[in-house]
Amino acid sequence: MPKIKTNRAAAKRFKKTGSGKYTFGKSHHRHILTSKTRKRKRALKAVQLIKKSDMREVRLLLPNG
């Protein structure tokens, strides 16, 4: 049997937490930051958790954790 491959694009975007959930960083926090409010930039810094409805899809992309 062949090995199951990890989706490398997903592996770079999602990290698994100790409790088995997945985290990701928000987009739009790389450039053109002068036109964005402090509040918005602060919110974009924060790491988010994957929603329950998307968990199945992420698990399929990252079978090896």
N, C-alpha and C. Protein backbone atom coordinates (compact mmCIF):
# COMPACT_ATOMS: atom_id res chain seq x y z
N MET A 1 0.84 -1.20 0.00
CA MET A 1 0.00 0.00 0.00
C MET A 1 0.88 1.26 0.00
N PRO A 2 0.51 2.25 -0.79
CA PRO A 2 1.27 3.51 -0.76
C PRO A 2 0.97 4.31 0.50
N LYS A 3 1.90 5.17 0.86
CA LYS A 3 1.71 6.02 2.03
C LYS A 3 0.70 7.13 1.71
N ILE A 4 0.04 7.62 2.73
CA ILE A 4 -0.88 8.75 2.56
C ILE A 4 -0.03 10.02 2.60
N LYS A 5 -0.22 10.88 1.62
CA LYS A 5 0.58 12.11 1.55
C LYS A 5 -0.14 13.28 2.21
N THR A 6 0.64 14.11 2.88
CA THR A 6 0.13 15.35 3.48
C THR A 6 0.07 16.41 2.41
N ASN A 7 -0.98 17.21 2.42
CA ASN A 7 -1.08 18.35 1.52
C ASN A 7 -0.15 19.44 2.05
N ARG A 8 0.93 19.73 1.32
CA ARG A 8 1.97 20.64 1.79
C ARG A 8 1.48 22.08 1.93
N ALA A 9 0.56 22.50 1.07
CA ALA A 9 0.01 23.87 1.18
C ALA A 9 -0.75 24.01 2.49
N ALA A 10 -1.51 23.00 2.87
CA ALA A 10 -2.27 23.03 4.12
C ALA A 10 -1.33 22.95 5.33
N ALA A 11 -0.28 22.16 5.21
CA ALA A 11 0.67 21.99 6.32
C ALA A 11 1.36 23.31 6.67
N LYS A 12 1.54 24.17 5.69
CA LYS A 12 2.17 25.47 5.93
C LYS A 12 1.20 26.47 6.56
N ARG A 13 -0.10 26.22 6.43
CA ARG A 13 -1.10 27.17 6.91
C ARG A 13 -1.72 26.81 8.25
N PHE A 14 -1.79 25.51 8.57
CA PHE A 14 -2.46 25.07 9.78
C PHE A 14 -1.50 24.37 10.72
N LYS A 15 -1.69 24.60 12.03
CA LYS A 15 -0.89 23.92 13.05
C LYS A 15 -1.86 23.22 14.00
N LYS A 16 -1.49 22.04 14.43
CA LYS A 16 -2.33 21.27 15.34
C LYS A 16 -2.00 21.65 16.77
N THR A 17 -3.03 21.87 17.60
CA THR A 17 -2.82 22.21 19.00
C THR A 17 -2.74 20.92 19.82
N GLY A 18 -2.42 21.06 21.08
CA GLY A 18 -2.32 19.89 21.96
C GLY A 18 -3.63 19.16 22.15
N SER A 19 -4.73 19.90 22.06
CA SER A 19 -6.05 19.29 22.26
C SER A 19 -6.62 18.70 20.97
N GLY A 20 -5.87 18.82 19.85
CA GLY A 20 -6.31 18.23 18.58
C GLY A 20 -7.03 19.17 17.65
N LYS A 21 -7.16 20.44 18.07
CA LYS A 21 -7.79 21.43 17.18
C LYS A 21 -6.71 22.00 16.25
N TYR A 22 -7.14 22.76 15.25
CA TYR A 22 -6.20 23.35 14.31
C TYR A 22 -6.28 24.87 14.36
N THR A 23 -5.11 25.53 14.30
CA THR A 23 -5.05 26.99 14.29
C THR A 23 -4.55 27.48 12.95
N PHE A 24 -4.84 28.73 12.66
CA PHE A 24 -4.35 29.35 11.43
C PHE A 24 -4.20 30.85 11.65
N GLY A 25 -3.34 31.47 10.86
CA GLY A 25 -3.15 32.91 10.91
C GLY A 25 -4.03 33.58 9.87
N LYS A 26 -4.53 34.76 10.21
CA LYS A 26 -5.40 35.48 9.28
C LYS A 26 -4.59 36.13 8.17
N SER A 27 -5.26 36.39 7.06
CA SER A 27 -4.62 37.04 5.91
C SER A 27 -4.73 38.56 6.03
N HIS A 28 -4.15 39.28 5.08
CA HIS A 28 -4.19 40.75 4.98
C HIS A 28 -3.37 41.46 6.05
N HIS A 29 -2.34 40.82 6.60
CA HIS A 29 -1.50 41.50 7.59
C HIS A 29 -0.04 41.54 7.14
N ARG A 30 0.18 41.66 5.83
CA ARG A 30 1.54 41.67 5.30
C ARG A 30 1.98 43.04 4.79
N HIS A 31 1.13 43.71 4.06
CA HIS A 31 1.50 45.01 3.50
C HIS A 31 0.28 45.91 3.38
N ILE A 32 0.51 47.16 3.00
CA ILE A 32 -0.51 48.22 2.94
C ILE A 32 -1.19 48.35 4.32
N LEU A 33 -0.36 48.37 5.37
CA LEU A 33 -0.89 48.43 6.73
C LEU A 33 -1.24 49.85 7.16
N THR A 34 -0.75 50.84 6.43
CA THR A 34 -1.02 52.23 6.82
C THR A 34 -2.48 52.61 6.67
N SER A 35 -3.17 51.97 5.74
CA SER A 35 -4.58 52.29 5.51
C SER A 35 -5.52 51.50 6.42
N LYS A 36 -4.98 50.60 7.25
CA LYS A 36 -5.81 49.78 8.13
C LYS A 36 -5.76 50.34 9.55
N THR A 37 -6.88 50.24 10.25
CA THR A 37 -6.96 50.78 11.60
C THR A 37 -6.16 49.92 12.57
N ARG A 38 -5.80 50.51 13.72
CA ARG A 38 -5.07 49.77 14.76
C ARG A 38 -5.85 48.56 15.22
N LYS A 39 -7.14 48.77 15.41
CA LYS A 39 -8.01 47.69 15.86
C LYS A 39 -8.02 46.52 14.88
N ARG A 40 -8.09 46.84 13.60
CA ARG A 40 -8.12 45.82 12.55
C ARG A 40 -6.80 45.06 12.49
N LYS A 41 -5.68 45.79 12.58
CA LYS A 41 -4.36 45.16 12.54
C LYS A 41 -4.13 44.25 13.75
N ARG A 42 -4.61 44.70 14.89
CA ARG A 42 -4.49 43.91 16.12
C ARG A 42 -5.29 42.61 16.02
N ALA A 43 -6.47 42.70 15.42
CA ALA A 43 -7.31 41.52 15.23
C ALA A 43 -6.69 40.55 14.23
N LEU A 44 -6.01 41.07 13.22
CA LEU A 44 -5.38 40.22 12.20
C LEU A 44 -4.16 39.48 12.75
N LYS A 45 -3.53 40.02 13.80
CA LYS A 45 -2.38 39.36 14.43
C LYS A 45 -2.77 38.06 15.11
N ALA A 46 -3.97 38.04 15.69
CA ALA A 46 -4.40 36.93 16.52
C ALA A 46 -4.55 35.63 15.72
N VAL A 47 -4.15 34.54 16.36
CA VAL A 47 -4.28 33.21 15.77
C VAL A 47 -5.71 32.74 15.99
N GLN A 48 -6.31 32.16 14.97
CA GLN A 48 -7.71 31.71 15.03
C GLN A 48 -7.78 30.19 15.08
N LEU A 49 -8.90 29.68 15.57
CA LEU A 49 -9.15 28.23 15.57
C LEU A 49 -10.07 27.90 14.40
N ILE A 50 -9.85 26.72 13.81
CA ILE A 50 -10.69 26.26 12.72
C ILE A 50 -12.09 25.96 13.26
N LYS A 51 -13.10 26.30 12.50
CA LYS A 51 -14.48 26.03 12.91
C LYS A 51 -14.75 24.53 12.82
N LYS A 52 -15.71 24.10 13.61
CA LYS A 52 -16.06 22.68 13.67
C LYS A 52 -16.48 22.15 12.30
N SER A 53 -17.17 22.98 11.53
CA SER A 53 -17.66 22.56 10.21
C SER A 53 -16.53 22.33 9.20
N ASP A 54 -15.36 22.93 9.42
CA ASP A 54 -14.21 22.77 8.52
C ASP A 54 -13.20 21.73 8.99
N MET A 55 -13.39 21.19 10.19
CA MET A 55 -12.42 20.26 10.76
C MET A 55 -12.21 19.01 9.91
N ARG A 56 -13.28 18.45 9.37
CA ARG A 56 -13.17 17.22 8.58
C ARG A 56 -12.27 17.44 7.38
N GLU A 57 -12.44 18.55 6.69
CA GLU A 57 -11.66 18.86 5.50
C GLU A 57 -10.17 19.02 5.84
N VAL A 58 -9.88 19.71 6.92
CA VAL A 58 -8.49 19.93 7.34
C VAL A 58 -7.84 18.61 7.75
N ARG A 59 -8.59 17.76 8.43
CA ARG A 59 -8.05 16.45 8.83
C ARG A 59 -7.70 15.59 7.63
N LEU A 60 -8.50 15.69 6.56
CA LEU A 60 -8.21 14.94 5.34
C LEU A 60 -6.94 15.46 4.65
N LEU A 61 -6.72 16.78 4.71
CA LEU A 61 -5.53 17.38 4.11
C LEU A 61 -4.27 17.07 4.92
N LEU A 62 -4.43 16.91 6.24
CA LEU A 62 -3.29 16.66 7.13
C LEU A 62 -3.48 15.33 7.87
N PRO A 63 -3.36 14.21 7.17
CA PRO A 63 -3.61 12.92 7.80
C PRO A 63 -2.59 12.52 8.85
N ASN A 64 -1.39 13.08 8.76
CA ASN A 64 -0.32 12.70 9.70
C ASN A 64 -0.13 13.71 10.83
N GLY A 65 -1.09 14.57 11.02
CA GLY A 65 -1.03 15.51 12.14
C GLY A 65 -0.41 16.82 11.88
